[in-house]
C-alpha atoms as a PDB file:
ATOM      1  CA  UNK A   1       1.794  -8.715   3.473  1.00  0.00           C
ATOM      2  CA  UNK A   2       3.018  -8.234  -0.107  1.00  0.00           C
ATOM      3  CA  UNK A   3       1.542  -7.326  -3.363  1.00  0.00           C
ATOM      4  CA  UNK A   4       2.752 -10.994  -4.891  1.00  0.00           C
ATOM      5  CA  UNK A   5       1.056 -13.008  -1.418  1.00  0.00           C
ATOM      6  CA  UNK A   6      -2.358 -10.318  -2.646  1.00  0.00           C
ATOM      7  CA  UNK A   7      -2.235 -11.057  -5.706  1.00  0.00           C
ATOM      8  CA  UNK A   8      -1.831 -15.180  -4.635  1.00  0.00           C
ATOM      9  CA  UNK A   9      -5.037 -14.910  -2.281  1.00  0.00           C
ATOM     10  CA  UNK A  10      -7.030 -13.161  -5.181  1.00  0.00           C
ATOM     11  CA  UNK A  11      -6.431 -15.743  -7.414  1.00  0.00           C
ATOM     12  CA  UNK A  12      -6.521 -18.957  -4.897  1.00  0.00           C
ATOM     13  CA  UNK A  13     -10.368 -17.601  -3.977  1.00  0.00           C
ATOM     14  CA  UNK A  14     -11.429 -17.058  -7.234  1.00  0.00           C
ATOM     15  CA  UNK A  15     -10.266 -20.526  -7.847  1.00  0.00           C
ATOM     16  CA  UNK A  16     -11.192 -22.091  -4.922  1.00  0.00           C
ATOM     17  CA  UNK A  17     -15.028 -20.413  -5.493  1.00  0.00           C
ATOM     18  CA  UNK A  18     -15.016 -21.608  -9.636  1.00  0.00           C
ATOM     19  CA  UNK A  19     -13.267 -24.859  -8.862  1.00  0.00           C
ATOM     20  CA  UNK A  20     -16.249 -25.643  -5.798  1.00  0.00           C
ATOM     21  CA  UNK A  21     -19.071 -24.152  -7.991  1.00  0.00           C
ATOM     22  CA  UNK A  22     -18.091 -26.694 -10.573  1.00  0.00           C
ATOM     23  CA  UNK A  23     -18.378 -29.304  -8.441  1.00  0.00           C
ATOM     24  CA  UNK A  24     -21.776 -28.541  -7.586  1.00  0.00           C
ATOM     25  CA  UNK A  25     -23.026 -28.119 -11.441  1.00  0.00           C
ATOM     26  CA  UNK A  26     -21.279 -31.485 -11.526  1.00  0.00           C
ATOM     27  CA  UNK A  27     -23.066 -32.568  -8.787  1.00  0.00           C
ATOM     28  CA  UNK A  28     -26.549 -31.485  -7.741  1.00  0.00           C
ATOM     29  CA  UNK A  29     -29.729 -30.766  -9.718  1.00  0.00           C
ATOM     30  CA  UNK A  30     -32.014 -27.192  -9.268  1.00  0.00           C
ATOM     31  CA  UNK A  31     -34.882 -28.559  -7.207  1.00  0.00           C
ATOM     32  CA  UNK A  32     -32.711 -31.405  -4.901  1.00  0.00           C
ATOM     33  CA  UNK A  33     -31.321 -30.590  -2.203  1.00  0.00           C
ATOM     34  CA  UNK A  34     -29.144 -33.370  -0.635  1.00  0.00           C
ATOM     35  CA  UNK A  35     -29.120 -32.795   3.185  1.00  0.00           C
ATOM     36  CA  UNK A  36     -25.525 -32.770   4.912  1.00  0.00           C
ATOM     37  CA  UNK A  37     -26.535 -32.139   8.577  1.00  0.00           C
ATOM     38  CA  UNK A  38     -29.269 -30.835   9.929  1.00  0.00           C
ATOM     39  CA  UNK A  39     -29.883 -27.035   9.366  1.00  0.00           C
ATOM     40  CA  UNK A  40     -27.794 -27.445   6.093  1.00  0.00           C
ATOM     41  CA  UNK A  41     -28.080 -28.640   2.409  1.00  0.00           C
ATOM     42  CA  UNK A  42     -26.768 -28.372  -1.093  1.00  0.00           C
ATOM     43  CA  UNK A  43     -29.299 -26.960  -3.089  1.00  0.00           C
ATOM     44  CA  UNK A  44     -28.431 -26.097  -6.436  1.00  0.00           C
ATOM     45  CA  UNK A  45     -29.917 -21.966  -7.903  1.00  0.00           C
ATOM     46  CA  UNK A  46     -28.479 -19.181  -9.887  1.00  0.00           C
ATOM     47  CA  UNK A  47     -28.758 -15.496  -8.746  1.00  0.00           C
ATOM     48  CA  UNK A  48     -29.421 -13.126 -11.366  1.00  0.00           C
ATOM     49  CA  UNK A  49     -29.059 -10.314  -8.777  1.00  0.00           C
ATOM     50  CA  UNK A  50     -26.787  -9.104  -6.320  1.00  0.00           C
ATOM     51  CA  UNK A  51     -26.235 -10.506  -2.835  1.00  0.00           C
ATOM     52  CA  UNK A  52     -28.848 -12.817  -1.233  1.00  0.00           C
ATOM     53  CA  UNK A  53     -31.141 -12.008  -4.378  1.00  0.00           C
ATOM     54  CA  UNK A  54     -31.238  -9.006  -4.139  1.00  0.00           C
ATOM     55  CA  UNK A  55     -32.072  -6.359  -7.718  1.00  0.00           C
ATOM     56  CA  UNK A  56     -32.978  -9.973  -9.234  1.00  0.00           C
ATOM     57  CA  UNK A  57     -36.153  -8.582 -10.730  1.00  0.00           C
ATOM     58  CA  UNK A  58     -34.025  -5.089 -12.136  1.00  0.00           C
ATOM     59  CA  UNK A  59     -31.063  -7.230 -13.364  1.00  0.00           C
ATOM     60  CA  UNK A  60     -32.579 -10.651 -14.956  1.00  0.00           C
ATOM     61  CA  UNK A  61     -31.584 -10.859 -17.569  1.00  0.00           C
ATOM     62  CA  UNK A  62     -28.813  -8.392 -18.273  1.00  0.00           C
ATOM     63  CA  UNK A  63     -25.968 -10.179 -17.038  1.00  0.00           C
ATOM     64  CA  UNK A  64     -23.522  -8.499 -18.992  1.00  0.00           C
ATOM     65  CA  UNK A  65     -24.846  -5.266 -17.105  1.00  0.00           C
ATOM     66  CA  UNK A  66     -24.398  -6.735 -13.668  1.00  0.00           C
ATOM     67  CA  UNK A  67     -20.914  -8.068 -14.644  1.00  0.00           C
ATOM     68  CA  UNK A  68     -19.773  -4.238 -15.514  1.00  0.00           C
ATOM     69  CA  UNK A  69     -21.296  -2.797 -11.802  1.00  0.00           C
ATOM     70  CA  UNK A  70     -19.814  -5.310 -10.150  1.00  0.00           C
ATOM     71  CA  UNK A  71     -16.487  -5.251 -11.947  1.00  0.00           C
ATOM     72  CA  UNK A  72     -16.086  -1.490 -11.764  1.00  0.00           C
ATOM     73  CA  UNK A  73     -16.797  -1.966  -7.268  1.00  0.00           C
ATOM     74  CA  UNK A  74     -14.390  -5.098  -7.529  1.00  0.00           C
ATOM     75  CA  UNK A  75     -11.530  -2.838  -9.471  1.00  0.00           C
ATOM     76  CA  UNK A  76     -11.910  -0.053  -6.589  1.00  0.00           C
ATOM     77  CA  UNK A  77     -11.582  -3.231  -4.012  1.00  0.00           C
ATOM     78  CA  UNK A  78      -8.267  -4.516  -5.252  1.00  0.00           C
ATOM     79  CA  UNK A  79      -6.876  -1.033  -5.623  1.00  0.00           C
ATOM     80  CA  UNK A  80      -7.325  -0.666  -2.497  1.00  0.00           C
ATOM     81  CA  UNK A  81      -5.980  -4.320  -1.699  1.00  0.00           C
ATOM     82  CA  UNK A  82      -2.480  -3.060  -2.924  1.00  0.00           C
ATOM     83  CA  UNK A  83      -2.601   0.554  -1.555  1.00  0.00           C
ATOM     84  CA  UNK A  84      -3.257  -0.322   1.988  1.00  0.00           C
ATOM     85  CA  UNK A  85      -0.655  -1.233   4.283  1.00  0.00           C
ATOM     86  CA  UNK A  86      -2.298  -2.703   6.775  1.00  0.00           C
ATOM     87  CA  UNK A  87      -2.465  -6.800   6.539  1.00  0.00           C
ATOM     88  CA  UNK A  88      -5.657  -7.749   7.766  1.00  0.00           C
ATOM     89  CA  UNK A  89      -7.408  -5.094   5.685  1.00  0.00           C
ATOM     90  CA  UNK A  90      -5.209  -6.519   2.761  1.00  0.00           C
ATOM     91  CA  UNK A  91      -6.238  -9.395   3.631  1.00  0.00           C
ATOM     92  CA  UNK A  92      -9.890  -8.732   3.597  1.00  0.00           C
ATOM     93  CA  UNK A  93     -10.396  -6.527   0.516  1.00  0.00           C
ATOM     94  CA  UNK A  94      -8.369  -9.546  -1.156  1.00  0.00           C
ATOM     95  CA  UNK A  95     -10.764 -12.177  -0.509  1.00  0.00           C
ATOM     96  CA  UNK A  96     -13.632  -8.862  -1.554  1.00  0.00           C
ATOM     97  CA  UNK A  97     -12.126  -8.810  -4.889  1.00  0.00           C
ATOM     98  CA  UNK A  98     -11.674 -12.742  -4.909  1.00  0.00           C
ATOM     99  CA  UNK A  99     -15.126 -13.332  -4.126  1.00  0.00           C
ATOM    100  CA  UNK A 100     -16.768 -10.892  -6.589  1.00  0.00           C
ATOM    101  CA  UNK A 101     -14.333 -12.227  -9.710  1.00  0.00           C
ATOM    102  CA  UNK A 102     -15.819 -15.688  -8.749  1.00  0.00           C
ATOM    103  CA  UNK A 103     -18.947 -14.056  -9.174  1.00  0.00           C
ATOM    104  CA  UNK A 104     -17.858 -12.056 -12.277  1.00  0.00           C
ATOM    105  CA  UNK A 105     -16.910 -15.403 -14.284  1.00  0.00           C
ATOM    106  CA  UNK A 106     -20.340 -16.672 -13.457  1.00  0.00           C
ATOM    107  CA  UNK A 107     -22.530 -13.761 -14.989  1.00  0.00           C
ATOM    108  CA  UNK A 108     -20.085 -13.890 -18.084  1.00  0.00           C
ATOM    109  CA  UNK A 109     -20.357 -17.743 -17.905  1.00  0.00           C
ATOM    110  CA  UNK A 110     -23.398 -18.360 -17.784  1.00  0.00           C
ATOM    111  CA  UNK A 111     -25.358 -15.270 -17.141  1.00  0.00           C
ATOM    112  CA  UNK A 112     -26.311 -15.801 -13.433  1.00  0.00           C
ATOM    113  CA  UNK A 113     -24.007 -16.920 -10.294  1.00  0.00           C
ATOM    114  CA  UNK A 114     -24.325 -20.231  -9.682  1.00  0.00           C
ATOM    115  CA  UNK A 115     -25.578 -20.956  -5.333  1.00  0.00           C
ATOM    116  CA  UNK A 116     -25.249 -24.456  -4.012  1.00  0.00           C
ATOM    117  CA  UNK A 117     -24.713 -23.760   0.081  1.00  0.00           C
ATOM    118  CA  UNK A 118     -28.638 -23.630   1.941  1.00  0.00           C
ATOM    119  CA  UNK A 119     -28.840 -23.342   5.588  1.00  0.00           C
ATOM    120  CA  UNK A 120     -31.867 -23.422   7.209  1.00  0.00           C
ATOM    121  CA  UNK A 121     -34.302 -23.942  10.704  1.00  0.00           C
ATOM    122  CA  UNK A 122     -36.950 -25.150  10.439  1.00  0.00           C
ATOM    123  CA  UNK A 123     -38.961 -23.688   7.568  1.00  0.00           C
ATOM    124  CA  UNK A 124     -37.367 -20.518   7.369  1.00  0.00           C
ATOM    125  CA  UNK A 125     -33.876 -21.188   4.835  1.00  0.00           C
ATOM    126  CA  UNK A 126     -31.636 -18.115   4.676  1.00  0.00           C
ATOM    127  CA  UNK A 127     -30.683 -17.319   1.063  1.00  0.00           C
ATOM    128  CA  UNK A 128     -28.855 -19.433  -0.879  1.00  0.00           C
ATOM    129  CA  UNK A 129     -24.851 -18.492  -1.188  1.00  0.00           C
ATOM    130  CA  UNK A 130     -22.016 -20.018  -2.172  1.00  0.00           C
ATOM    131  CA  UNK A 131     -18.011 -19.661  -1.957  1.00  0.00           C
ATOM    132  CA  UNK A 132     -17.364 -16.288  -3.410  1.00  0.00           C
ATOM    133  CA  UNK A 133     -19.985 -14.886  -1.023  1.00  0.00           C
ATOM    134  CA  UNK A 134     -18.325 -16.764   2.164  1.00  0.00           C
ATOM    135  CA  UNK A 135     -15.013 -15.010   1.061  1.00  0.00           C
ATOM    136  CA  UNK A 136     -16.481 -11.497   0.505  1.00  0.00           C
ATOM    137  CA  UNK A 137     -18.246 -11.533   4.132  1.00  0.00           C
ATOM    138  CA  UNK A 138     -15.368 -12.607   5.800  1.00  0.00           C
ATOM    139  CA  UNK A 139     -13.141  -9.901   3.575  1.00  0.00           C
ATOM    140  CA  UNK A 140     -15.717  -7.418   4.976  1.00  0.00           C
ATOM    141  CA  UNK A 141     -15.605  -8.575   8.361  1.00  0.00           C
ATOM    142  CA  UNK A 142     -10.930  -8.336   8.181  1.00  0.00           C
ATOM    143  CA  UNK A 143     -11.858  -4.845   7.166  1.00  0.00           C
ATOM    144  CA  UNK A 144     -14.176  -3.848   9.537  1.00  0.00           C
ATOM    145  CA  UNK A 145     -12.174  -5.416  11.992  1.00  0.00           C
ATOM    146  CA  UNK A 146      -8.842  -3.499  10.564  1.00  0.00           C
ATOM    147  CA  UNK A 147     -10.818  -0.451  11.300  1.00  0.00           C
ATOM    148  CA  UNK A 148     -11.027  -0.957  14.956  1.00  0.00           C
ATOM    149  CA  UNK A 149      -8.575   1.960  16.916  1.00  0.00           C
ATOM    150  CA  UNK A 150      -7.058  -0.804  18.621  1.00  0.00           C
ATOM    151  CA  UNK A 151      -6.134  -3.106  15.954  1.00  0.00           C
ATOM    152  CA  UNK A 152      -4.955   0.019  14.047  1.00  0.00           C
ATOM    153  CA  UNK A 153      -2.876   0.860  16.992  1.00  0.00           C
ATOM    154  CA  UNK A 154      -0.992  -2.944  16.836  1.00  0.00           C
ATOM    155  CA  UNK A 155      -0.550  -2.510  13.425  1.00  0.00           C
ATOM    156  CA  UNK A 156       1.327   0.564  12.976  1.00  0.00           C
ATOM    157  CA  UNK A 157       3.345  -0.452  16.212  1.00  0.00           C
ATOM    158  CA  UNK A 158       4.171  -3.859  14.149  1.00  0.00           C
ATOM    159  CA  UNK A 159       4.676  -1.814  10.735  1.00  0.00           C
ATOM    160  CA  UNK A 160       7.235   0.748  12.875  1.00  0.00           C
ATOM    161  CA  UNK A 161       9.615  -2.244  13.927  1.00  0.00           C
END
């Protein structure tokens, strides 16, 4: 996968996240969930912490600090995306970078990350999340999969052709 394609994937991930969050902000109201199918609601929320609301008490009211910390990590992931030769790993780092950038934009624009996807089972709810979080999770899964020895051998064999 080329550097140009990596950049396009990062940009597309960030753009998709921001467009879908804009729709959520325009059509959803905090405290008024919209049922989609059993187990899935759309419910607008805002997260000042890190993933799944961790550190929200510590980071409340400090969006620039959280954006700076996330930004530093995002730069590292972006550098890794452009340095690796393994396609699956590159895709993974691109998704992580694009998702992180989407959440950084939220922090800089409104002081918190917009969340709207609510998965639940009976009275138990998973922490509300967004498209950026999905991209980060899928990206991490790609990176892990790329590190599996059998997958590495396939990529090496493919690169040598």
